[in-house]
Amino acid sequence: MQKAWRAVCRRSAAPLPFRDWLSRELSVIEDDIPRGRDRKFDAIMAHFAVIAGDLFWIDRTAQAAERRMRWQIARILEDLSLLESRLAGWDYARATFTQSEMLPADMSDAPARVLWKVLQMLDTHRRRLDARPPSLSAAKAAARP
């Protein structure tokens, strides 16, 4: 935020003090900020990154939703690995859900809307596996070579 303020100060003949400028900027963008804590942070940081011309933060906030969903998908795949007693990675997700939508070879190539669908499907699959009686999953694991 201070980087954005300094950029404004360099362009302005009579810059506002930091706190006044920050209050004004936040009130200007308040109506445009989406609801939700994470989205709110991303929107505010993106706004100030654009003002500052900070390409790192512009890129980071633009990819924030995908990055969060990839992290969540990775945690669900870890859970599925434990439930299935075998490694469940992105290939597992691709093989399991090829009938619903063709997924890219790498998770980082998937757009947010696709990641959201995968996240929902994997979570449902994890819940279904977790709800099985323990004897079934133990017998299945023992039967594997």
Protein backbone atom coordinates (compact mmCIF):
# COMPACT_ATOMS: atom_id res chain seq x y z
CA MET A 1 0.00 0.00 0.00
CA GLN A 2 2.85 2.35 0.80
CA LYS A 3 4.42 1.55 -2.55
CA ALA A 4 1.16 2.59 -4.25
CA TRP A 5 0.99 5.76 -2.14
CA ARG A 6 4.59 6.65 -3.06
CA ALA A 7 3.75 6.13 -6.75
CA VAL A 8 0.78 8.50 -6.38
CA CYS A 9 2.95 11.04 -4.54
CA ARG A 10 5.46 11.05 -7.40
CA ARG A 11 2.68 11.80 -9.90
CA SER A 12 0.77 14.33 -7.78
CA ALA A 13 1.60 17.99 -7.20
CA ALA A 14 -0.08 18.02 -3.76
CA PRO A 15 -0.17 14.46 -2.36
CA LEU A 16 -2.38 13.53 0.58
CA PRO A 17 -0.92 12.14 3.81
CA PHE A 18 -0.79 8.32 3.73
CA ARG A 19 -3.72 7.66 6.10
CA ASP A 20 -6.00 10.14 4.32
CA TRP A 21 -5.08 8.73 0.93
CA LEU A 22 -5.59 5.14 2.15
CA SER A 23 -9.03 5.96 3.61
CA ARG A 24 -10.06 7.63 0.38
CA GLU A 25 -8.85 4.72 -1.77
CA LEU A 26 -10.59 2.13 0.41
CA SER A 27 -13.86 4.07 0.31
CA VAL A 28 -13.62 4.37 -3.48
CA ILE A 29 -13.18 0.62 -4.00
CA GLU A 30 -15.46 -0.54 -1.16
CA ASP A 31 -18.47 -1.18 -3.40
CA ASP A 32 -16.38 -3.07 -5.95
CA ILE A 33 -14.83 -5.48 -3.44
CA PRO A 34 -16.34 -8.97 -3.58
CA ARG A 35 -17.58 -10.54 -0.38
CA GLY A 36 -15.47 -13.12 1.41
CA ARG A 37 -12.29 -12.58 3.38
CA ASP A 38 -9.89 -14.04 0.80
CA ARG A 39 -11.49 -12.33 -2.17
CA LYS A 40 -11.57 -9.05 -0.29
CA PHE A 41 -7.83 -9.23 0.44
CA ASP A 42 -7.08 -10.14 -3.17
CA ALA A 43 -9.21 -7.29 -4.54
CA ILE A 44 -7.63 -4.70 -2.24
CA MET A 45 -4.10 -5.90 -2.95
CA ALA A 46 -4.81 -5.97 -6.70
CA HIS A 47 -6.12 -2.40 -6.56
CA PHE A 48 -3.00 -1.10 -4.85
CA ALA A 49 -0.70 -3.26 -7.00
CA VAL A 50 -2.14 -1.67 -10.13
CA ILE A 51 -1.63 1.82 -8.70
CA ALA A 52 1.97 0.96 -7.75
CA GLY A 53 2.62 -0.86 -11.03
CA ASP A 54 3.86 -3.86 -9.02
CA LEU A 55 3.80 -6.76 -11.49
CA PHE A 56 4.56 -9.36 -8.81
CA TRP A 57 1.43 -8.49 -6.79
CA ILE A 58 -0.71 -7.99 -9.88
CA ASP A 59 0.20 -11.51 -11.00
CA ARG A 60 -0.11 -12.99 -7.50
CA THR A 61 -3.59 -11.57 -6.89
CA ALA A 62 -4.75 -12.55 -10.38
CA GLN A 63 -3.85 -16.18 -9.66
CA ALA A 64 -4.90 -16.27 -6.00
CA ALA A 65 -8.14 -18.24 -6.45
CA GLU A 66 -6.43 -20.92 -8.54
CA ARG A 67 -3.52 -21.15 -6.10
CA ARG A 68 -5.90 -21.66 -3.14
CA MET A 69 -7.92 -24.31 -4.98
CA ARG A 70 -4.77 -26.17 -6.05
CA TRP A 71 -3.69 -26.22 -2.40
CA GLN A 72 -7.10 -27.57 -1.31
CA ILE A 73 -7.08 -30.20 -4.06
CA ALA A 74 -3.61 -31.33 -2.96
CA ARG A 75 -4.90 -31.78 0.63
CA ILE A 76 -7.90 -33.79 -0.58
CA LEU A 77 -5.63 -35.97 -2.72
CA GLU A 78 -3.49 -36.62 0.38
CA ASP A 79 -6.62 -37.72 2.25
CA LEU A 80 -7.61 -39.96 -0.66
CA SER A 81 -4.12 -41.49 -0.64
CA LEU A 82 -4.63 -42.47 2.98
CA LEU A 83 -8.16 -43.77 2.42
CA GLU A 84 -7.24 -45.79 -0.67
CA SER A 85 -3.82 -46.92 0.63
CA ARG A 86 -2.18 -45.79 -2.61
CA LEU A 87 -0.80 -42.58 -4.01
CA ALA A 88 -3.51 -40.26 -5.31
CA GLY A 89 -2.12 -37.36 -7.33
CA TRP A 90 -3.36 -35.23 -10.20
CA ASP A 91 -3.30 -38.33 -12.45
CA TYR A 92 -5.73 -39.95 -10.00
CA ALA A 93 -8.08 -36.96 -10.37
CA ARG A 94 -7.77 -37.08 -14.16
CA ALA A 95 -8.47 -40.83 -14.29
CA THR A 96 -11.37 -40.63 -11.85
CA PHE A 97 -13.16 -37.77 -13.53
CA THR A 98 -12.44 -38.12 -17.24
CA GLN A 99 -16.15 -38.66 -17.86
CA SER A 100 -17.06 -35.23 -16.46
CA GLU A 101 -14.49 -33.05 -18.21
CA MET A 102 -11.12 -33.50 -19.81
CA LEU A 103 -8.57 -32.17 -17.37
CA PRO A 104 -5.20 -30.74 -18.43
CA ALA A 105 -2.07 -32.83 -17.91
CA ASP A 106 -0.88 -30.52 -15.14
CA MET A 107 -3.00 -29.06 -12.35
CA SER A 108 -1.38 -25.64 -12.77
CA ASP A 109 -2.81 -25.43 -16.31
CA ALA A 110 -6.42 -25.72 -15.13
CA PRO A 111 -8.49 -22.52 -14.88
CA ALA A 112 -10.38 -21.65 -11.70
CA ARG A 113 -13.77 -22.90 -12.94
CA VAL A 114 -12.30 -26.34 -13.73
CA LEU A 115 -10.40 -26.47 -10.43
CA TRP A 116 -13.63 -25.66 -8.59
CA LYS A 117 -15.40 -28.61 -10.26
CA VAL A 118 -12.49 -30.94 -9.49
CA LEU A 119 -12.42 -29.75 -5.88
CA GLN A 120 -16.13 -30.48 -5.47
CA MET A 121 -15.89 -33.89 -7.13
CA LEU A 122 -12.82 -34.96 -5.14
CA ASP A 123 -14.39 -33.80 -1.89
CA THR A 124 -17.54 -35.82 -2.64
CA HIS A 125 -15.40 -38.84 -3.53
CA ARG A 126 -13.38 -38.46 -0.31
CA ARG A 127 -16.57 -38.27 1.78
CA ARG A 128 -17.96 -41.35 0.05
CA LEU A 129 -14.78 -43.33 0.75
CA ASP A 130 -14.59 -42.07 4.31
CA ALA A 131 -18.19 -43.18 4.95
CA ARG A 132 -17.45 -46.81 4.02
CA PRO A 133 -17.36 -49.32 6.84
CA PRO A 134 -13.74 -49.85 7.96
CA SER A 135 -13.86 -53.56 7.16
CA LEU A 136 -14.47 -52.89 3.46
CA SER A 137 -11.53 -50.55 3.07
CA ALA A 138 -9.25 -52.86 5.10
CA ALA A 139 -10.25 -55.87 2.98
CA LYS A 140 -9.75 -53.90 -0.21
CA ALA A 141 -6.29 -52.76 0.90
CA ALA A 142 -5.33 -56.31 1.91
CA ALA A 143 -6.49 -57.70 -1.46
CA ARG A 144 -4.18 -55.39 -3.41
CA PRO A 145 -0.87 -56.90 -4.57
